[in-house]
């Protein structure tokens, strides 16, 4: 699933007005994997898709702020950085 913004308090957000489809997928999924480039962190869009507690894995680029990464990992999210060995 993609997103327009990831806010530590609001969660996964989007500008897309049909966000209810993503919300339903998130609620029905056994595992939620989110893809977002580092420009999305700290951004909040008007429509909340799901809380961060619903996200299992996040795939992003190396531009993520280390403090933001730590905060996500403390919420139990497996943060995968593209180009890094994630073993």
PDB file of N, CA and C in Angstrom:
ATOM      1  N   UNK A   1       0.852  -1.162   0.000  1.00  0.00           N
ATOM      2  CA  UNK A   1       0.000   0.000   0.000  1.00  0.00           C
ATOM      3  C   UNK A   1       0.903   1.231   0.000  1.00  0.00           C
ATOM      4  N   UNK A   2       0.522   2.266  -0.696  1.00  0.00           N
ATOM      5  CA  UNK A   2       1.245   3.524  -0.714  1.00  0.00           C
ATOM      6  C   UNK A   2       0.528   4.560   0.139  1.00  0.00           C
ATOM      7  N   UNK A   3       1.146   5.723   0.301  1.00  0.00           N
ATOM      8  CA  UNK A   3       0.572   6.766   1.144  1.00  0.00           C
ATOM      9  C   UNK A   3       1.068   8.142   0.730  1.00  0.00           C
ATOM     10  N   UNK A   4       0.340   9.170   1.137  1.00  0.00           N
ATOM     11  CA  UNK A   4       0.771  10.549   0.912  1.00  0.00           C
ATOM     12  C   UNK A   4       1.477  11.117   2.131  1.00  0.00           C
ATOM     13  N   UNK A   5       1.240  10.520   3.290  1.00  0.00           N
ATOM     14  CA  UNK A   5       1.861  11.030   4.508  1.00  0.00           C
ATOM     15  C   UNK A   5       1.863  10.004   5.623  1.00  0.00           C
ATOM     16  N   UNK A   6       2.898  10.082   6.472  1.00  0.00           N
ATOM     17  CA  UNK A   6       2.989   9.227   7.654  1.00  0.00           C
ATOM     18  C   UNK A   6       3.265  10.133   8.840  1.00  0.00           C
ATOM     19  N   UNK A   7       2.314  10.193   9.744  1.00  0.00           N
ATOM     20  CA  UNK A   7       2.406  11.031  10.936  1.00  0.00           C
ATOM     21  C   UNK A   7       2.437  10.110  12.150  1.00  0.00           C
ATOM     22  N   UNK A   8       3.341  10.371  13.092  1.00  0.00           N
ATOM     23  CA  UNK A   8       3.470   9.491  14.253  1.00  0.00           C
ATOM     24  C   UNK A   8       2.198   9.428  15.084  1.00  0.00           C
ATOM     25  N   UNK A   9       1.398  10.481  15.078  1.00  0.00           N
ATOM     26  CA  UNK A   9       0.152  10.488  15.850  1.00  0.00           C
ATOM     27  C   UNK A   9      -1.054  10.066  15.017  1.00  0.00           C
ATOM     28  N   UNK A  10      -1.196  10.635  13.826  1.00  0.00           N
ATOM     29  CA  UNK A  10      -2.367  10.350  12.986  1.00  0.00           C
ATOM     30  C   UNK A  10      -2.269   8.993  12.303  1.00  0.00           C
ATOM     31  N   UNK A  11      -1.062   8.582  11.948  1.00  0.00           N
ATOM     32  CA  UNK A  11      -0.861   7.314  11.256  1.00  0.00           C
ATOM     33  C   UNK A  11      -0.652   7.500   9.768  1.00  0.00           C
ATOM     34  N   UNK A  12      -1.190   6.572   8.996  1.00  0.00           N
ATOM     35  CA  UNK A  12      -1.053   6.559   7.544  1.00  0.00           C
ATOM     36  C   UNK A  12      -2.171   7.411   6.957  1.00  0.00           C
ATOM     37  N   UNK A  13      -1.798   8.442   6.180  1.00  0.00           N
ATOM     38  CA  UNK A  13      -2.794   9.379   5.663  1.00  0.00           C
ATOM     39  C   UNK A  13      -2.660   9.544   4.151  1.00  0.00           C
ATOM     40  N   UNK A  14      -3.740  10.061   3.541  1.00  0.00           N
ATOM     41  CA  UNK A  14      -3.745  10.253   2.093  1.00  0.00           C
ATOM     42  C   UNK A  14      -4.654  11.419   1.707  1.00  0.00           C
ATOM     43  N   UNK A  15      -4.401  11.965   0.531  1.00  0.00           N
ATOM     44  CA  UNK A  15      -5.289  12.973  -0.050  1.00  0.00           C
ATOM     45  C   UNK A  15      -6.393  12.304  -0.864  1.00  0.00           C
ATOM     46  N   UNK A  16      -6.200  11.045  -1.238  1.00  0.00           N
ATOM     47  CA  UNK A  16      -7.119  10.306  -2.090  1.00  0.00           C
ATOM     48  C   UNK A  16      -8.496  10.203  -1.433  1.00  0.00           C
ATOM     49  N   UNK A  17      -9.525  10.615  -2.156  1.00  0.00           N
ATOM     50  CA  UNK A  17     -10.880  10.611  -1.607  1.00  0.00           C
ATOM     51  C   UNK A  17     -11.508   9.221  -1.557  1.00  0.00           C
ATOM     52  N   UNK A  18     -10.913   8.249  -2.233  1.00  0.00           N
ATOM     53  CA  UNK A  18     -11.415   6.873  -2.148  1.00  0.00           C
ATOM     54  C   UNK A  18     -10.547   6.063  -1.181  1.00  0.00           C
ATOM     55  N   UNK A  19     -10.081   6.736  -0.145  1.00  0.00           N
ATOM     56  CA  UNK A  19      -9.222   6.105   0.860  1.00  0.00           C
ATOM     57  C   UNK A  19      -9.923   4.973   1.593  1.00  0.00           C
ATOM     58  N   UNK A  20     -11.250   4.942   1.531  1.00  0.00           N
ATOM     59  CA  UNK A  20     -11.987   3.886   2.229  1.00  0.00           C
ATOM     60  C   UNK A  20     -11.640   2.500   1.682  1.00  0.00           C
ATOM     61  N   UNK A  21     -11.228   2.419   0.415  1.00  0.00           N
ATOM     62  CA  UNK A  21     -10.806   1.138  -0.159  1.00  0.00           C
ATOM     63  C   UNK A  21      -9.516   0.682   0.522  1.00  0.00           C
ATOM     64  N   UNK A  22      -8.546   1.586   0.645  1.00  0.00           N
ATOM     65  CA  UNK A  22      -7.289   1.258   1.330  1.00  0.00           C
ATOM     66  C   UNK A  22      -7.544   0.923   2.790  1.00  0.00           C
ATOM     67  N   UNK A  23      -8.460   1.651   3.406  1.00  0.00           N
ATOM     68  CA  UNK A  23      -8.808   1.410   4.808  1.00  0.00           C
ATOM     69  C   UNK A  23      -9.393   0.007   4.977  1.00  0.00           C
ATOM     70  N   UNK A  24     -10.278  -0.395   4.076  1.00  0.00           N
ATOM     71  CA  UNK A  24     -10.879  -1.726   4.133  1.00  0.00           C
ATOM     72  C   UNK A  24      -9.827  -2.813   3.916  1.00  0.00           C
ATOM     73  N   UNK A  25      -8.899  -2.582   2.980  1.00  0.00           N
ATOM     74  CA  UNK A  25      -7.829  -3.552   2.743  1.00  0.00           C
ATOM     75  C   UNK A  25      -6.957  -3.691   3.981  1.00  0.00           C
ATOM     76  N   UNK A  26      -6.647  -2.584   4.599  1.00  0.00           N
ATOM     77  CA  UNK A  26      -5.825  -2.579   5.809  1.00  0.00           C
ATOM     78  C   UNK A  26      -6.514  -3.360   6.927  1.00  0.00           C
ATOM     79  N   UNK A  27      -7.804  -3.156   7.082  1.00  0.00           N
ATOM     80  CA  UNK A  27      -8.564  -3.842   8.131  1.00  0.00           C
ATOM     81  C   UNK A  27      -8.690  -5.343   7.874  1.00  0.00           C
ATOM     82  N   UNK A  28      -8.712  -5.745   6.608  1.00  0.00           N
ATOM     83  CA  UNK A  28      -8.900  -7.152   6.260  1.00  0.00           C
ATOM     84  C   UNK A  28      -7.590  -7.932   6.141  1.00  0.00           C
ATOM     85  N   UNK A  29      -6.483  -7.234   6.010  1.00  0.00           N
ATOM     86  CA  UNK A  29      -5.198  -7.889   5.743  1.00  0.00           C
ATOM     87  C   UNK A  29      -4.630  -8.612   6.957  1.00  0.00           C
ATOM     88  N   UNK A  30      -3.948  -9.721   6.688  1.00  0.00           N
ATOM     89  CA  UNK A  30      -3.208 -10.416   7.745  1.00  0.00           C
ATOM     90  C   UNK A  30      -1.910  -9.680   8.040  1.00  0.00           C
ATOM     91  N   UNK A  31      -1.369  -9.014   7.017  1.00  0.00           N
ATOM     92  CA  UNK A  31      -0.125  -8.263   7.163  1.00  0.00           C
ATOM     93  C   UNK A  31      -0.230  -7.006   6.313  1.00  0.00           C
ATOM     94  N   UNK A  32       0.133  -5.870   6.891  1.00  0.00           N
ATOM     95  CA  UNK A  32       0.098  -4.600   6.163  1.00  0.00           C
ATOM     96  C   UNK A  32       1.532  -4.173   5.880  1.00  0.00           C
ATOM     97  N   UNK A  33       1.852  -4.055   4.591  1.00  0.00           N
ATOM     98  CA  UNK A  33       3.173  -3.612   4.154  1.00  0.00           C
ATOM     99  C   UNK A  33       2.988  -2.275   3.456  1.00  0.00           C
ATOM    100  N   UNK A  34       3.659  -1.269   3.963  1.00  0.00           N
ATOM    101  CA  UNK A  34       3.532   0.093   3.462  1.00  0.00           C
ATOM    102  C   UNK A  34       4.797   0.476   2.717  1.00  0.00           C
ATOM    103  N   UNK A  35       4.643   1.121   1.558  1.00  0.00           N
ATOM    104  CA  UNK A  35       5.781   1.654   0.814  1.00  0.00           C
ATOM    105  C   UNK A  35       5.656   3.164   0.777  1.00  0.00           C
ATOM    106  N   UNK A  36       6.736   3.843   1.176  1.00  0.00           N
ATOM    107  CA  UNK A  36       6.723   5.305   1.162  1.00  0.00           C
ATOM    108  C   UNK A  36       8.149   5.821   1.091  1.00  0.00           C
ATOM    109  N   UNK A  37       8.379   6.804   0.228  1.00  0.00           N
ATOM    110  CA  UNK A  37       9.709   7.399   0.218  1.00  0.00           C
ATOM    111  C   UNK A  37       9.830   8.348   1.411  1.00  0.00           C
ATOM    112  N   UNK A  38      11.054   8.702   1.741  1.00  0.00           N
ATOM    113  CA  UNK A  38      11.317   9.455   2.973  1.00  0.00           C
ATOM    114  C   UNK A  38      10.668  10.836   3.006  1.00  0.00           C
ATOM    115  N   UNK A  39      10.244  11.360   1.874  1.00  0.00           N
ATOM    116  CA  UNK A  39       9.588  12.675   1.875  1.00  0.00           C
ATOM    117  C   UNK A  39       8.207  12.631   2.526  1.00  0.00           C
ATOM    118  N   UNK A  40       7.659  11.449   2.721  1.00  0.00           N
ATOM    119  CA  UNK A  40       6.312  11.301   3.293  1.00  0.00           C
ATOM    120  C   UNK A  40       6.294  11.377   4.820  1.00  0.00           C
ATOM    121  N   UNK A  41       7.440  11.208   5.465  1.00  0.00           N
ATOM    122  CA  UNK A  41       7.480  11.162   6.925  1.00  0.00           C
ATOM    123  C   UNK A  41       7.270  12.538   7.537  1.00  0.00           C
ATOM    124  N   UNK A  42       6.405  12.576   8.538  1.00  0.00           N
ATOM    125  CA  UNK A  42       6.085  13.838   9.195  1.00  0.00           C
ATOM    126  C   UNK A  42       5.009  14.628   8.472  1.00  0.00           C
ATOM    127  N   UNK A  43       4.508  14.110   7.359  1.00  0.00           N
ATOM    128  CA  UNK A  43       3.438  14.774   6.606  1.00  0.00           C
ATOM    129  C   UNK A  43       2.096  14.184   7.005  1.00  0.00           C
ATOM    130  N   UNK A  44       1.107  15.031   7.078  1.00  0.00           N
ATOM    131  CA  UNK A  44      -0.236  14.593   7.451  1.00  0.00           C
ATOM    132  C   UNK A  44      -1.220  15.063   6.388  1.00  0.00           C
ATOM    133  N   UNK A  45      -1.938  14.125   5.818  1.00  0.00           N
ATOM    134  CA  UNK A  45      -2.966  14.415   4.825  1.00  0.00           C
ATOM    135  C   UNK A  45      -4.331  14.311   5.501  1.00  0.00           C
ATOM    136  N   UNK A  46      -5.382  14.811   4.859  1.00  0.00           N
ATOM    137  CA  UNK A  46      -6.685  14.888   5.530  1.00  0.00           C
ATOM    138  C   UNK A  46      -7.374  13.557   5.839  1.00  0.00           C
ATOM    139  N   UNK A  47      -7.095  12.513   5.081  1.00  0.00           N
ATOM    140  CA  UNK A  47      -7.810  11.244   5.257  1.00  0.00           C
ATOM    141  C   UNK A  47      -6.917  10.196   5.908  1.00  0.00           C
ATOM    142  N   UNK A  48      -7.346   9.666   7.047  1.00  0.00           N
ATOM    143  CA  UNK A  48      -6.574   8.649   7.764  1.00  0.00           C
ATOM    144  C   UNK A  48      -6.959   7.266   7.251  1.00  0.00           C
ATOM    145  N   UNK A  49      -5.974   6.527   6.764  1.00  0.00           N
ATOM    146  CA  UNK A  49      -6.188   5.171   6.254  1.00  0.00           C
ATOM    147  C   UNK A  49      -6.139   4.167   7.398  1.00  0.00           C
ATOM    148  N   UNK A  50      -5.111   4.267   8.241  1.00  0.00           N
ATOM    149  CA  UNK A  50      -4.979   3.363   9.383  1.00  0.00           C
ATOM    150  C   UNK A  50      -3.971   3.930  10.373  1.00  0.00           C
ATOM    151  N   UNK A  51      -3.996   3.393  11.564  1.00  0.00           N
ATOM    152  CA  UNK A  51      -3.017   3.797  12.572  1.00  0.00           C
ATOM    153  C   UNK A  51      -1.699   3.093  12.277  1.00  0.00           C
ATOM    154  N   UNK A  52      -0.622   3.596  12.835  1.00  0.00           N
ATOM    155  CA  UNK A  52       0.668   2.947  12.643  1.00  0.00           C
ATOM    156  C   UNK A  52       0.709   1.581  13.318  1.00  0.00           C
ATOM    157  N   UNK A  53      -0.119   1.384  14.317  1.00  0.00           N
ATOM    158  CA  UNK A  53      -0.179   0.086  14.991  1.00  0.00           C
ATOM    159  C   UNK A  53      -0.683  -1.015  14.054  1.00  0.00           C
ATOM    160  N   UNK A  54      -1.316  -0.634  12.961  1.00  0.00           N
ATOM    161  CA  UNK A  54      -1.810  -1.603  11.978  1.00  0.00           C
ATOM    162  C   UNK A  54      -0.739  -2.013  10.976  1.00  0.00           C
ATOM    163  N   UNK A  55       0.357  -1.253  10.905  1.00  0.00           N
ATOM    164  CA  UNK A  55       1.406  -1.486   9.910  1.00  0.00           C
ATOM    165  C   UNK A  55       2.427  -2.486  10.454  1.00  0.00           C
ATOM    166  N   UNK A  56       2.711  -3.522   9.655  1.00  0.00           N
ATOM    167  CA  UNK A  56       3.700  -4.530  10.040  1.00  0.00           C
ATOM    168  C   UNK A  56       5.090  -4.206   9.499  1.00  0.00           C
ATOM    169  N   UNK A  57       5.144  -3.795   8.221  1.00  0.00           N
ATOM    170  CA  UNK A  57       6.425  -3.500   7.581  1.00  0.00           C
ATOM    171  C   UNK A  57       6.321  -2.204   6.800  1.00  0.00           C
ATOM    172  N   UNK A  58       7.439  -1.488   6.754  1.00  0.00           N
ATOM    173  CA  UNK A  58       7.532  -0.262   5.968  1.00  0.00           C
ATOM    174  C   UNK A  58       8.770  -0.358   5.099  1.00  0.00           C
ATOM    175  N   UNK A  59       8.593  -0.155   3.808  1.00  0.00           N
ATOM    176  CA  UNK A  59       9.710  -0.140   2.867  1.00  0.00           C
ATOM    177  C   UNK A  59       9.921   1.303   2.444  1.00  0.00           C
ATOM    178  N   UNK A  60      11.155   1.802   2.606  1.00  0.00           N
ATOM    179  CA  UNK A  60      11.454   3.196   2.293  1.00  0.00           C
ATOM    180  C   UNK A  60      12.899   3.334   1.830  1.00  0.00           C
ATOM    181  N   UNK A  61      13.304   4.573   1.567  1.00  0.00           N
ATOM    182  CA  UNK A  61      14.669   4.844   1.123  1.00  0.00           C
ATOM    183  C   UNK A  61      15.543   5.294   2.295  1.00  0.00           C
ATOM    184  N   UNK A  62      16.827   5.451   2.035  1.00  0.00           N
ATOM    185  CA  UNK A  62      17.800   5.778   3.079  1.00  0.00           C
ATOM    186  C   UNK A  62      17.675   7.205   3.604  1.00  0.00           C
ATOM    187  N   UNK A  63      16.792   8.001   3.042  1.00  0.00           N
ATOM    188  CA  UNK A  63      16.625   9.379   3.489  1.00  0.00           C
ATOM    189  C   UNK A  63      15.812   9.535   4.764  1.00  0.00           C
ATOM    190  N   UNK A  64      15.315   8.437   5.320  1.00  0.00           N
ATOM    191  CA  UNK A  64      14.500   8.507   6.537  1.00  0.00           C
ATOM    192  C   UNK A  64      15.338   9.035   7.699  1.00  0.00           C
ATOM    193  N   UNK A  65      14.756   9.944   8.457  1.00  0.00           N
ATOM    194  CA  UNK A  65      15.421  10.484   9.640  1.00  0.00           C
ATOM    195  C   UNK A  65      15.599   9.357  10.657  1.00  0.00           C
ATOM    196  N   UNK A  66      16.801   9.179  11.208  1.00  0.00           N
ATOM    197  CA  UNK A  66      17.033   8.093  12.167  1.00  0.00           C
ATOM    198  C   UNK A  66      16.084   8.120  13.370  1.00  0.00           C
ATOM    199  N   UNK A  67      15.723   9.294  13.847  1.00  0.00           N
ATOM    200  CA  UNK A  67      14.799   9.397  14.984  1.00  0.00           C
ATOM    201  C   UNK A  67      13.402   8.924  14.587  1.00  0.00           C
ATOM    202  N   UNK A  68      12.987   9.239  13.359  1.00  0.00           N
ATOM    203  CA  UNK A  68      11.675   8.794  12.879  1.00  0.00           C
ATOM    204  C   UNK A  68      11.683   7.278  12.716  1.00  0.00           C
ATOM    205  N   UNK A  69      12.785   6.757  12.185  1.00  0.00           N
ATOM    206  CA  UNK A  69      12.907   5.300  12.034  1.00  0.00           C
ATOM    207  C   UNK A  69      12.807   4.616  13.397  1.00  0.00           C
ATOM    208  N   UNK A  70      13.513   5.151  14.377  1.00  0.00           N
ATOM    209  CA  UNK A  70      13.485   4.569  15.716  1.00  0.00           C
ATOM    210  C   UNK A  70      12.068   4.596  16.291  1.00  0.00           C
ATOM    211  N   UNK A  71      11.369   5.712  16.097  1.00  0.00           N
ATOM    212  CA  UNK A  71       9.996   5.829  16.603  1.00  0.00           C
ATOM    213  C   UNK A  71       9.087   4.783  15.959  1.00  0.00           C
ATOM    214  N   UNK A  72       9.264   4.541  14.672  1.00  0.00           N
ATOM    215  CA  UNK A  72       8.470   3.524  13.977  1.00  0.00           C
ATOM    216  C   UNK A  72       8.801   2.126  14.494  1.00  0.00           C
ATOM    217  N   UNK A  73      10.087   1.863  14.684  1.00  0.00           N
ATOM    218  CA  UNK A  73      10.506   0.550  15.182  1.00  0.00           C
ATOM    219  C   UNK A  73      10.000   0.323  16.604  1.00  0.00           C
ATOM    220  N   UNK A  74       9.939   1.381  17.403  1.00  0.00           N
ATOM    221  CA  UNK A  74       9.402   1.267  18.762  1.00  0.00           C
ATOM    222  C   UNK A  74       7.908   0.948  18.751  1.00  0.00           C
ATOM    223  N   UNK A  75       7.238   1.269  17.635  1.00  0.00           N
ATOM    224  CA  UNK A  75       5.822   0.927  17.482  1.00  0.00           C
ATOM    225  C   UNK A  75       5.656  -0.493  16.932  1.00  0.00           C
ATOM    226  N   UNK A  76       6.772  -1.202  16.759  1.00  0.00           N
ATOM    227  CA  UNK A  76       6.727  -2.586  16.293  1.00  0.00           C
ATOM    228  C   UNK A  76       6.763  -2.752  14.791  1.00  0.00           C
ATOM    229  N   UNK A  77       7.089  -1.694  14.055  1.00  0.00           N
ATOM    230  CA  UNK A  77       7.126  -1.749  12.596  1.00  0.00           C
ATOM    231  C   UNK A  77       8.520  -2.169  12.142  1.00  0.00           C
ATOM    232  N   UNK A  78       8.573  -3.164  11.260  1.00  0.00           N
ATOM    233  CA  UNK A  78       9.830  -3.612  10.661  1.00  0.00           C
ATOM    234  C   UNK A  78      10.150  -2.645   9.521  1.00  0.00           C
ATOM    235  N   UNK A  79      11.152  -1.779   9.718  1.00  0.00           N
ATOM    236  CA  UNK A  79      11.517  -0.776   8.715  1.00  0.00           C
ATOM    237  C   UNK A  79      12.591  -1.366   7.803  1.00  0.00           C
ATOM    238  N   UNK A  80      12.277  -1.435   6.521  1.00  0.00           N
ATOM    239  CA  UNK A  80      13.197  -1.978   5.526  1.00  0.00           C
ATOM    240  C   UNK A  80      13.662  -0.832   4.639  1.00  0.00           C
ATOM    241  N   UNK A  81      14.981  -0.630   4.604  1.00  0.00           N
ATOM    242  CA  UNK A  81      15.562   0.439   3.792  1.00  0.00           C
ATOM    243  C   UNK A  81      16.054  -0.171   2.483  1.00  0.00           C
ATOM    244  N   UNK A  82      15.600   0.364   1.365  1.00  0.00           N
ATOM    245  CA  UNK A  82      16.038  -0.155   0.072  1.00  0.00           C
ATOM    246  C   UNK A  82      17.536   0.058  -0.068  1.00  0.00           C
ATOM    247  N   UNK A  83      18.207  -0.939  -0.598  1.00  0.00           N
ATOM    248  CA  UNK A  83      19.644  -0.852  -0.789  1.00  0.00           C
ATOM    249  C   UNK A  83      20.454  -1.289   0.419  1.00  0.00           C
ATOM    250  N   UNK A  84      19.813  -1.546   1.556  1.00  0.00           N
ATOM    251  CA  UNK A  84      20.508  -2.029   2.753  1.00  0.00           C
ATOM    252  C   UNK A  84      20.315  -3.528   2.863  1.00  0.00           C
ATOM    253  N   UNK A  85      21.283  -4.185   3.485  1.00  0.00           N
ATOM    254  CA  UNK A  85      21.106  -5.597   3.818  1.00  0.00           C
ATOM    255  C   UNK A  85      20.226  -5.657   5.047  1.00  0.00           C
ATOM    256  N   UNK A  86      19.075  -6.284   4.953  1.00  0.00           N
ATOM    257  CA  UNK A  86      18.107  -6.322   6.050  1.00  0.00           C
ATOM    258  C   UNK A  86      18.005  -7.708   6.668  1.00  0.00           C
ATOM    259  N   UNK A  87      19.115  -8.382   6.783  1.00  0.00           N
ATOM    260  CA  UNK A  87      19.110  -9.735   7.346  1.00  0.00           C
ATOM    261  C   UNK A  87      19.091  -9.705   8.844  1.00  0.00           C
TER     262      UNK A  87
END
